[in-house]
Amino acid sequence: MARRDALLRLHKTLLARRADLRGKLAGELADLREFRVADSAGDSADAAFEAGGDEMSSQLAQLDDRELSQIERALARLQLATYGICEGGSANCQTKIPVARLNALPYTPFCINCEREMEMHPDTVALQSTGNWAKVFDGQSPMQDQRIQLSEMELRLSGTQ
């Protein structure tokens, strides 16, 4: 019964975090829109400073959007009654993910052993689309220029879930 109570508590945590992220992303999206339509009255140094701030905001919004996607997938697993069961490993592990791990990373679909296996052997393990640290930069170097897709964010924020 303790695990069930913990999973219910984690469900509430996921819902609250989803609401927070949706609100935050809506604000960031509005700020990005304002920046694009605002008239630049300053010199080129002001414009460069504002562009740097816009780029940082865009990257932070992208990270928030990825976390929101992981939370949405975790909530879907809750509805399917598969939340807290590992989806990884070479033989589809199916072990219960310890509550301590779920408390630390509530949207993870993998136990720590499967996560480590995927990190150590990313080319030999069938990678899932979620919960994989190597996917944080979609297989690209973190130094490469990455742009956020505002249209995708708008669709997610306008969704009724």
N, C-alpha and C. Protein backbone atom coordinates (compact mmCIF):
# COMPACT_ATOMS: atom_id res chain seq x y z
N MET A 1 0.81 -1.19 0.00
CA MET A 1 0.00 0.00 0.00
C MET A 1 0.87 1.27 0.00
N ALA A 2 2.06 1.19 0.59
CA ALA A 2 2.94 2.35 0.66
C ALA A 2 3.37 2.78 -0.75
N ARG A 3 3.66 1.81 -1.63
CA ARG A 3 4.06 2.15 -3.00
C ARG A 3 2.91 2.84 -3.73
N ARG A 4 1.70 2.34 -3.53
CA ARG A 4 0.54 2.93 -4.19
C ARG A 4 0.35 4.38 -3.73
N ASP A 5 0.50 4.61 -2.43
CA ASP A 5 0.38 5.97 -1.90
C ASP A 5 1.47 6.88 -2.47
N ALA A 6 2.68 6.34 -2.58
CA ALA A 6 3.79 7.12 -3.14
C ALA A 6 3.52 7.46 -4.60
N LEU A 7 2.97 6.51 -5.36
CA LEU A 7 2.65 6.76 -6.76
C LEU A 7 1.54 7.80 -6.91
N LEU A 8 0.57 7.77 -6.01
CA LEU A 8 -0.48 8.79 -6.03
C LEU A 8 0.09 10.17 -5.73
N ARG A 9 1.02 10.23 -4.78
CA ARG A 9 1.66 11.49 -4.45
C ARG A 9 2.49 11.99 -5.64
N LEU A 10 3.18 11.07 -6.31
CA LEU A 10 3.97 11.45 -7.48
C LEU A 10 3.06 11.92 -8.62
N HIS A 11 1.89 11.34 -8.74
CA HIS A 11 0.92 11.79 -9.74
C HIS A 11 0.55 13.25 -9.50
N LYS A 12 0.30 13.60 -8.25
CA LYS A 12 -0.02 14.99 -7.91
C LYS A 12 1.17 15.90 -8.20
N THR A 13 2.36 15.41 -7.91
CA THR A 13 3.57 16.19 -8.18
C THR A 13 3.72 16.44 -9.68
N LEU A 14 3.50 15.41 -10.49
CA LEU A 14 3.59 15.56 -11.94
C LEU A 14 2.56 16.54 -12.47
N LEU A 15 1.34 16.47 -11.96
CA LEU A 15 0.30 17.40 -12.40
C LEU A 15 0.66 18.84 -12.05
N ALA A 16 1.17 19.04 -10.84
CA ALA A 16 1.55 20.39 -10.41
C ALA A 16 2.72 20.92 -11.25
N ARG A 17 3.71 20.06 -11.50
CA ARG A 17 4.85 20.49 -12.31
C ARG A 17 4.43 20.79 -13.73
N ARG A 18 3.52 20.00 -14.27
CA ARG A 18 3.01 20.25 -15.62
C ARG A 18 2.33 21.61 -15.69
N ALA A 19 1.51 21.92 -14.71
CA ALA A 19 0.83 23.22 -14.67
C ALA A 19 1.85 24.36 -14.57
N ASP A 20 2.86 24.18 -13.73
CA ASP A 20 3.90 25.20 -13.59
C ASP A 20 4.64 25.43 -14.90
N LEU A 21 5.02 24.33 -15.56
CA LEU A 21 5.76 24.44 -16.82
C LEU A 21 4.90 25.07 -17.91
N ARG A 22 3.64 24.70 -17.98
CA ARG A 22 2.76 25.30 -18.99
C ARG A 22 2.65 26.81 -18.79
N GLY A 23 2.49 27.23 -17.53
CA GLY A 23 2.42 28.66 -17.25
C GLY A 23 3.72 29.36 -17.58
N LYS A 24 4.83 28.75 -17.21
CA LYS A 24 6.14 29.33 -17.48
C LYS A 24 6.40 29.44 -18.98
N LEU A 25 6.07 28.38 -19.72
CA LEU A 25 6.28 28.40 -21.16
C LEU A 25 5.37 29.41 -21.85
N ALA A 26 4.16 29.56 -21.36
CA ALA A 26 3.26 30.56 -21.94
C ALA A 26 3.85 31.96 -21.75
N GLY A 27 4.40 32.23 -20.57
CA GLY A 27 5.04 33.51 -20.32
C GLY A 27 6.27 33.73 -21.18
N GLU A 28 7.09 32.69 -21.30
CA GLU A 28 8.30 32.79 -22.12
C GLU A 28 7.94 32.99 -23.60
N LEU A 29 6.91 32.32 -24.05
CA LEU A 29 6.46 32.47 -25.43
C LEU A 29 5.97 33.89 -25.67
N ALA A 30 5.23 34.44 -24.73
CA ALA A 30 4.76 35.82 -24.85
C ALA A 30 5.94 36.79 -24.87
N ASP A 31 6.94 36.55 -24.02
CA ASP A 31 8.13 37.41 -24.00
C ASP A 31 8.88 37.36 -25.33
N LEU A 32 9.00 36.15 -25.89
CA LEU A 32 9.68 36.03 -27.18
C LEU A 32 8.92 36.75 -28.29
N ARG A 33 7.61 36.68 -28.25
CA ARG A 33 6.80 37.39 -29.25
C ARG A 33 6.99 38.89 -29.10
N GLU A 34 6.98 39.39 -27.86
CA GLU A 34 7.16 40.81 -27.62
C GLU A 34 8.52 41.27 -28.11
N PHE A 35 9.54 40.46 -27.88
CA PHE A 35 10.88 40.83 -28.31
C PHE A 35 10.93 40.96 -29.82
N ARG A 36 10.27 40.08 -30.52
CA ARG A 36 10.33 40.09 -31.99
C ARG A 36 9.58 41.27 -32.59
N VAL A 37 8.53 41.74 -31.95
CA VAL A 37 7.75 42.84 -32.50
C VAL A 37 8.17 44.18 -31.94
N ALA A 38 9.00 44.19 -30.89
CA ALA A 38 9.43 45.46 -30.29
C ALA A 38 10.37 46.19 -31.23
N ASP A 39 10.24 47.51 -31.23
CA ASP A 39 11.14 48.34 -32.03
C ASP A 39 12.45 48.51 -31.27
N SER A 40 13.54 48.37 -31.97
CA SER A 40 14.84 48.57 -31.35
C SER A 40 15.24 50.02 -31.50
N ALA A 41 15.21 50.75 -30.40
CA ALA A 41 15.57 52.16 -30.42
C ALA A 41 17.02 52.38 -30.05
N GLY A 42 17.68 51.33 -29.55
CA GLY A 42 19.06 51.46 -29.09
C GLY A 42 20.06 51.25 -30.21
N ASP A 43 21.33 51.27 -29.84
CA ASP A 43 22.39 51.05 -30.81
C ASP A 43 22.64 49.56 -31.02
N SER A 44 23.67 49.24 -31.78
CA SER A 44 23.94 47.83 -32.10
C SER A 44 24.36 47.03 -30.87
N ALA A 45 24.99 47.67 -29.90
CA ALA A 45 25.36 46.97 -28.66
C ALA A 45 24.12 46.57 -27.88
N ASP A 46 23.12 47.45 -27.84
CA ASP A 46 21.86 47.13 -27.17
C ASP A 46 21.17 45.96 -27.87
N ALA A 47 21.17 46.01 -29.18
CA ALA A 47 20.53 44.94 -29.95
C ALA A 47 21.24 43.61 -29.72
N ALA A 48 22.57 43.64 -29.67
CA ALA A 48 23.33 42.40 -29.43
C ALA A 48 23.04 41.86 -28.04
N PHE A 49 22.97 42.74 -27.05
CA PHE A 49 22.67 42.32 -25.68
C PHE A 49 21.29 41.69 -25.60
N GLU A 50 20.31 42.33 -26.24
CA GLU A 50 18.94 41.79 -26.25
C GLU A 50 18.88 40.45 -26.99
N ALA A 51 19.61 40.33 -28.07
CA ALA A 51 19.62 39.06 -28.82
C ALA A 51 20.22 37.95 -27.99
N GLY A 52 21.27 38.25 -27.22
CA GLY A 52 21.87 37.25 -26.34
C GLY A 52 20.89 36.79 -25.26
N GLY A 53 20.17 37.72 -24.69
CA GLY A 53 19.15 37.39 -23.70
C GLY A 53 18.02 36.56 -24.30
N ASP A 54 17.63 36.92 -25.52
CA ASP A 54 16.58 36.17 -26.21
C ASP A 54 17.03 34.74 -26.49
N GLU A 55 18.29 34.58 -26.88
CA GLU A 55 18.82 33.23 -27.15
C GLU A 55 18.82 32.39 -25.88
N MET A 56 19.24 32.98 -24.77
CA MET A 56 19.26 32.25 -23.50
C MET A 56 17.84 31.86 -23.10
N SER A 57 16.91 32.78 -23.24
CA SER A 57 15.51 32.48 -22.91
C SER A 57 14.97 31.37 -23.80
N SER A 58 15.34 31.39 -25.05
CA SER A 58 14.89 30.37 -25.99
C SER A 58 15.42 28.99 -25.60
N GLN A 59 16.68 28.92 -25.20
CA GLN A 59 17.26 27.65 -24.81
C GLN A 59 16.64 27.13 -23.51
N LEU A 60 16.38 28.03 -22.56
CA LEU A 60 15.74 27.61 -21.32
C LEU A 60 14.31 27.12 -21.59
N ALA A 61 13.62 27.81 -22.49
CA ALA A 61 12.27 27.38 -22.86
C ALA A 61 12.29 26.00 -23.51
N GLN A 62 13.32 25.74 -24.29
CA GLN A 62 13.45 24.43 -24.93
C GLN A 62 13.64 23.33 -23.89
N LEU A 63 14.45 23.58 -22.88
CA LEU A 63 14.63 22.60 -21.81
C LEU A 63 13.33 22.38 -21.05
N ASP A 64 12.60 23.45 -20.78
CA ASP A 64 11.32 23.32 -20.10
C ASP A 64 10.33 22.53 -20.94
N ASP A 65 10.36 22.76 -22.24
CA ASP A 65 9.46 22.04 -23.15
C ASP A 65 9.78 20.55 -23.16
N ARG A 66 11.05 20.21 -23.11
CA ARG A 66 11.44 18.79 -23.06
C ARG A 66 10.98 18.15 -21.76
N GLU A 67 11.14 18.87 -20.66
CA GLU A 67 10.67 18.33 -19.38
C GLU A 67 9.15 18.15 -19.41
N LEU A 68 8.45 19.10 -20.00
CA LEU A 68 7.00 18.99 -20.12
C LEU A 68 6.62 17.76 -20.94
N SER A 69 7.34 17.49 -22.01
CA SER A 69 7.07 16.30 -22.82
C SER A 69 7.26 15.02 -22.01
N GLN A 70 8.32 14.98 -21.21
CA GLN A 70 8.58 13.80 -20.39
C GLN A 70 7.48 13.63 -19.34
N ILE A 71 7.02 14.73 -18.79
CA ILE A 71 5.94 14.67 -17.80
C ILE A 71 4.65 14.18 -18.46
N GLU A 72 4.37 14.66 -19.65
CA GLU A 72 3.17 14.21 -20.37
C GLU A 72 3.22 12.70 -20.62
N ARG A 73 4.39 12.19 -20.99
CA ARG A 73 4.53 10.75 -21.22
C ARG A 73 4.37 9.97 -19.90
N ALA A 74 4.88 10.53 -18.81
CA ALA A 74 4.72 9.86 -17.51
C ALA A 74 3.23 9.83 -17.11
N LEU A 75 2.52 10.91 -17.36
CA LEU A 75 1.09 10.94 -17.04
C LEU A 75 0.32 9.94 -17.92
N ALA A 76 0.76 9.79 -19.15
CA ALA A 76 0.13 8.79 -20.03
C ALA A 76 0.39 7.38 -19.49
N ARG A 77 1.61 7.13 -18.98
CA ARG A 77 1.91 5.82 -18.39
C ARG A 77 1.06 5.59 -17.14
N LEU A 78 0.78 6.64 -16.40
CA LEU A 78 -0.10 6.50 -15.23
C LEU A 78 -1.49 6.04 -15.65
N GLN A 79 -2.01 6.61 -16.72
CA GLN A 79 -3.33 6.21 -17.22
C GLN A 79 -3.33 4.77 -17.72
N LEU A 80 -2.20 4.33 -18.25
CA LEU A 80 -2.10 2.96 -18.75
C LEU A 80 -1.70 1.96 -17.67
N ALA A 81 -1.51 2.45 -16.45
CA ALA A 81 -1.09 1.63 -15.30
C ALA A 81 0.27 1.00 -15.51
N THR A 82 1.14 1.68 -16.25
CA THR A 82 2.51 1.20 -16.44
C THR A 82 3.53 2.13 -15.81
N TYR A 83 3.07 3.17 -15.12
CA TYR A 83 3.98 4.10 -14.46
C TYR A 83 4.72 3.38 -13.33
N GLY A 84 6.02 3.62 -13.24
CA GLY A 84 6.82 2.99 -12.19
C GLY A 84 7.35 1.63 -12.57
N ILE A 85 7.09 1.20 -13.80
CA ILE A 85 7.61 -0.07 -14.31
C ILE A 85 8.61 0.24 -15.41
N CYS A 86 9.80 -0.32 -15.29
CA CYS A 86 10.88 -0.02 -16.22
C CYS A 86 10.54 -0.46 -17.64
N GLU A 87 10.81 0.43 -18.58
CA GLU A 87 10.58 0.15 -20.00
C GLU A 87 11.86 -0.14 -20.75
N GLY A 88 12.98 -0.23 -20.05
CA GLY A 88 14.27 -0.34 -20.72
C GLY A 88 14.87 -1.72 -20.69
N GLY A 89 16.13 -1.72 -20.97
CA GLY A 89 16.90 -2.96 -20.94
C GLY A 89 16.83 -3.70 -22.26
N SER A 90 17.74 -4.61 -22.43
CA SER A 90 17.79 -5.35 -23.68
C SER A 90 16.64 -6.34 -23.80
N ALA A 91 16.07 -6.75 -22.66
CA ALA A 91 14.96 -7.70 -22.70
C ALA A 91 13.69 -7.08 -22.13
N ASN A 92 13.55 -5.75 -22.26
CA ASN A 92 12.41 -5.02 -21.72
C ASN A 92 12.21 -5.38 -20.25
N CYS A 93 13.02 -4.84 -19.42
CA CYS A 93 13.22 -5.12 -18.00
C CYS A 93 11.93 -5.40 -17.22
N GLN A 94 10.97 -4.49 -17.24
CA GLN A 94 9.68 -4.63 -16.56
C GLN A 94 9.76 -4.73 -15.04
N THR A 95 10.90 -4.34 -14.43
CA THR A 95 10.98 -4.34 -12.97
C THR A 95 10.38 -3.04 -12.44
N LYS A 96 9.99 -3.06 -11.18
CA LYS A 96 9.47 -1.85 -10.56
C LYS A 96 10.61 -0.87 -10.32
N ILE A 97 10.40 0.36 -10.73
CA ILE A 97 11.38 1.41 -10.48
C ILE A 97 11.24 1.81 -9.02
N PRO A 98 12.34 1.83 -8.26
CA PRO A 98 12.24 2.19 -6.84
C PRO A 98 11.63 3.58 -6.65
N VAL A 99 10.83 3.72 -5.60
CA VAL A 99 10.17 4.98 -5.32
C VAL A 99 11.19 6.10 -5.10
N ALA A 100 12.32 5.78 -4.51
CA ALA A 100 13.36 6.80 -4.31
C ALA A 100 13.81 7.39 -5.65
N ARG A 101 13.94 6.55 -6.68
CA ARG A 101 14.32 7.05 -8.01
C ARG A 101 13.20 7.89 -8.60
N LEU A 102 11.97 7.44 -8.43
CA LEU A 102 10.83 8.21 -8.94
C LEU A 102 10.70 9.55 -8.22
N ASN A 103 11.03 9.58 -6.93
CA ASN A 103 11.01 10.85 -6.20
C ASN A 103 12.04 11.80 -6.77
N ALA A 104 13.20 11.28 -7.15
CA ALA A 104 14.26 12.12 -7.69
C ALA A 104 13.97 12.55 -9.13
N LEU A 105 13.39 11.68 -9.92
CA LEU A 105 13.12 11.93 -11.33
C LEU A 105 11.76 11.32 -11.68
N PRO A 106 10.68 12.01 -11.33
CA PRO A 106 9.34 11.41 -11.41
C PRO A 106 8.89 10.97 -12.80
N TYR A 107 9.50 11.50 -13.84
CA TYR A 107 9.08 11.13 -15.19
C TYR A 107 9.96 10.08 -15.84
N THR A 108 10.89 9.49 -15.10
CA THR A 108 11.76 8.49 -15.71
C THR A 108 11.01 7.20 -16.02
N PRO A 109 11.23 6.64 -17.21
CA PRO A 109 10.62 5.35 -17.53
C PRO A 109 11.58 4.17 -17.30
N PHE A 110 12.77 4.46 -16.74
CA PHE A 110 13.80 3.43 -16.62
C PHE A 110 14.31 3.27 -15.19
N CYS A 111 14.61 2.03 -14.82
CA CYS A 111 15.31 1.79 -13.56
C CYS A 111 16.75 2.23 -13.74
N ILE A 112 17.48 2.35 -12.67
CA ILE A 112 18.85 2.86 -12.74
C ILE A 112 19.76 1.92 -13.53
N ASN A 113 19.55 0.62 -13.42
CA ASN A 113 20.39 -0.33 -14.16
C ASN A 113 20.21 -0.19 -15.67
N CYS A 114 18.98 -0.07 -16.11
CA CYS A 114 18.72 0.08 -17.55
C CYS A 114 19.23 1.44 -18.05
N GLU A 115 19.08 2.47 -17.23
CA GLU A 115 19.60 3.79 -17.61
C GLU A 115 21.11 3.73 -17.78
N ARG A 116 21.80 3.09 -16.85
CA ARG A 116 23.26 2.95 -16.94
C ARG A 116 23.65 2.14 -18.17
N GLU A 117 22.92 1.07 -18.43
CA GLU A 117 23.21 0.23 -19.59
C GLU A 117 23.09 1.04 -20.88
N MET A 118 22.06 1.85 -20.97
CA MET A 118 21.88 2.67 -22.17
C MET A 118 22.96 3.74 -22.30
N GLU A 119 23.39 4.30 -21.17
CA GLU A 119 24.45 5.30 -21.21
C GLU A 119 25.79 4.68 -21.60
N MET A 120 26.04 3.46 -21.15
CA MET A 120 27.32 2.80 -21.45
C MET A 120 27.36 2.24 -22.86
N HIS A 121 26.20 1.80 -23.38
CA HIS A 121 26.15 1.15 -24.69
C HIS A 121 25.04 1.76 -25.55
N PRO A 122 25.14 3.02 -25.88
CA PRO A 122 24.03 3.64 -26.61
C PRO A 122 23.82 3.07 -28.02
N ASP A 123 24.86 2.52 -28.63
CA ASP A 123 24.72 1.99 -29.98
C ASP A 123 24.20 0.56 -30.03
N THR A 124 24.32 -0.18 -28.93
CA THR A 124 23.91 -1.57 -28.94
C THR A 124 22.56 -1.81 -28.27
N VAL A 125 22.06 -0.81 -27.57
CA VAL A 125 20.78 -0.93 -26.88
C VAL A 125 19.72 -0.23 -27.69
N ALA A 126 18.58 -0.85 -27.84
CA ALA A 126 17.47 -0.20 -28.53
C ALA A 126 17.01 0.96 -27.66
N LEU A 127 17.31 2.19 -28.11
CA LEU A 127 17.02 3.37 -27.29
C LEU A 127 15.55 3.74 -27.36
N GLN A 128 15.03 4.07 -26.22
CA GLN A 128 13.68 4.59 -26.14
C GLN A 128 13.74 6.08 -26.43
N SER A 129 12.61 6.69 -26.73
CA SER A 129 12.61 8.11 -27.06
C SER A 129 12.55 9.00 -25.82
N THR A 130 12.43 8.41 -24.62
CA THR A 130 12.34 9.23 -23.42
C THR A 130 13.32 8.73 -22.38
N GLY A 131 13.66 9.61 -21.46
CA GLY A 131 14.45 9.22 -20.31
C GLY A 131 15.91 8.92 -20.59
N ASN A 132 16.39 9.21 -21.78
CA ASN A 132 17.75 8.90 -22.14
C ASN A 132 18.56 10.18 -22.09
N TRP A 133 19.56 10.23 -21.21
CA TRP A 133 20.35 11.46 -21.06
C TRP A 133 21.05 11.83 -22.35
N ALA A 134 21.38 10.87 -23.18
CA ALA A 134 22.03 11.19 -24.45
C ALA A 134 21.10 11.95 -25.37
N LYS A 135 19.80 11.90 -25.11
CA LYS A 135 18.82 12.57 -25.95
C LYS A 135 18.59 14.02 -25.54
N VAL A 136 19.25 14.49 -24.50
CA VAL A 136 19.02 15.86 -24.06
C VAL A 136 19.31 16.83 -25.19
N PHE A 137 20.32 16.53 -26.02
CA PHE A 137 20.64 17.39 -27.14
C PHE A 137 20.31 16.74 -28.46
N ASP A 138 19.39 15.79 -28.46
CA ASP A 138 18.93 15.11 -29.66
C ASP A 138 20.08 14.57 -30.50
N GLY A 139 21.10 14.04 -29.82
CA GLY A 139 22.22 13.44 -30.52
C GLY A 139 23.19 14.46 -31.10
N GLN A 140 22.97 15.74 -30.85
CA GLN A 140 23.87 16.77 -31.35
C GLN A 140 24.78 17.22 -30.23
N SER A 141 25.85 17.83 -30.61
CA SER A 141 26.74 18.41 -29.62
C SER A 141 26.04 19.57 -28.95
N PRO A 142 26.21 19.76 -27.63
CA PRO A 142 25.57 20.88 -26.97
C PRO A 142 26.06 22.23 -27.48
N MET A 143 27.17 22.25 -28.18
CA MET A 143 27.70 23.50 -28.69
C MET A 143 27.05 23.90 -30.01
N GLN A 144 26.33 22.99 -30.64
CA GLN A 144 25.69 23.31 -31.89
C GLN A 144 24.49 24.23 -31.64
N ASP A 145 24.21 25.05 -32.62
CA ASP A 145 23.09 25.98 -32.51
C ASP A 145 21.78 25.22 -32.60
N GLN A 146 20.94 25.38 -31.60
CA GLN A 146 19.64 24.73 -31.59
C GLN A 146 18.56 25.79 -31.45
N ARG A 147 17.54 25.67 -32.22
CA ARG A 147 16.45 26.64 -32.21
C ARG A 147 15.19 25.98 -31.68
N ILE A 148 14.43 26.73 -30.97
CA ILE A 148 13.17 26.24 -30.45
C ILE A 148 12.09 26.46 -31.51
N GLN A 149 11.20 25.52 -31.64
CA GLN A 149 10.11 25.63 -32.59
C GLN A 149 8.90 26.22 -31.87
N LEU A 150 8.65 27.50 -32.08
CA LEU A 150 7.57 28.17 -31.38
C LEU A 150 6.21 27.56 -31.73
N SER A 151 6.05 27.11 -32.96
CA SER A 151 4.76 26.54 -33.35
C SER A 151 4.47 25.27 -32.56
N GLU A 152 5.50 24.46 -32.27
CA GLU A 152 5.31 23.26 -31.47
C GLU A 152 4.92 23.62 -30.04
N MET A 153 5.56 24.66 -29.50
CA MET A 153 5.24 25.08 -28.14
C MET A 153 3.81 25.60 -28.06
N GLU A 154 3.39 26.36 -29.08
CA GLU A 154 2.04 26.89 -29.08
C GLU A 154 1.02 25.77 -29.10
N LEU A 155 1.29 24.73 -29.88
CA LEU A 155 0.37 23.59 -29.94
C LEU A 155 0.27 22.90 -28.60
N ARG A 156 1.39 22.71 -27.92
CA ARG A 156 1.38 22.05 -26.63
C ARG A 156 0.68 22.89 -25.58
N LEU A 157 0.91 24.18 -25.62
CA LEU A 157 0.32 25.06 -24.61
C LEU A 157 -1.18 25.23 -24.83
N SER A 158 -1.61 25.13 -26.07
CA SER A 158 -3.03 25.29 -26.34
C SER A 158 -3.81 23.99 -26.18
N GLY A 159 -3.09 22.86 -25.98
CA GLY A 159 -3.74 21.56 -25.81
C GLY A 159 -4.58 21.52 -24.54
N THR A 160 -5.66 20.79 -24.59
CA THR A 160 -6.55 20.66 -23.43
C THR A 160 -6.37 19.29 -22.83
N GLN A 161 -5.44 19.21 -21.90
CA GLN A 161 -5.19 17.93 -21.25
C GLN A 161 -5.25 18.11 -19.78
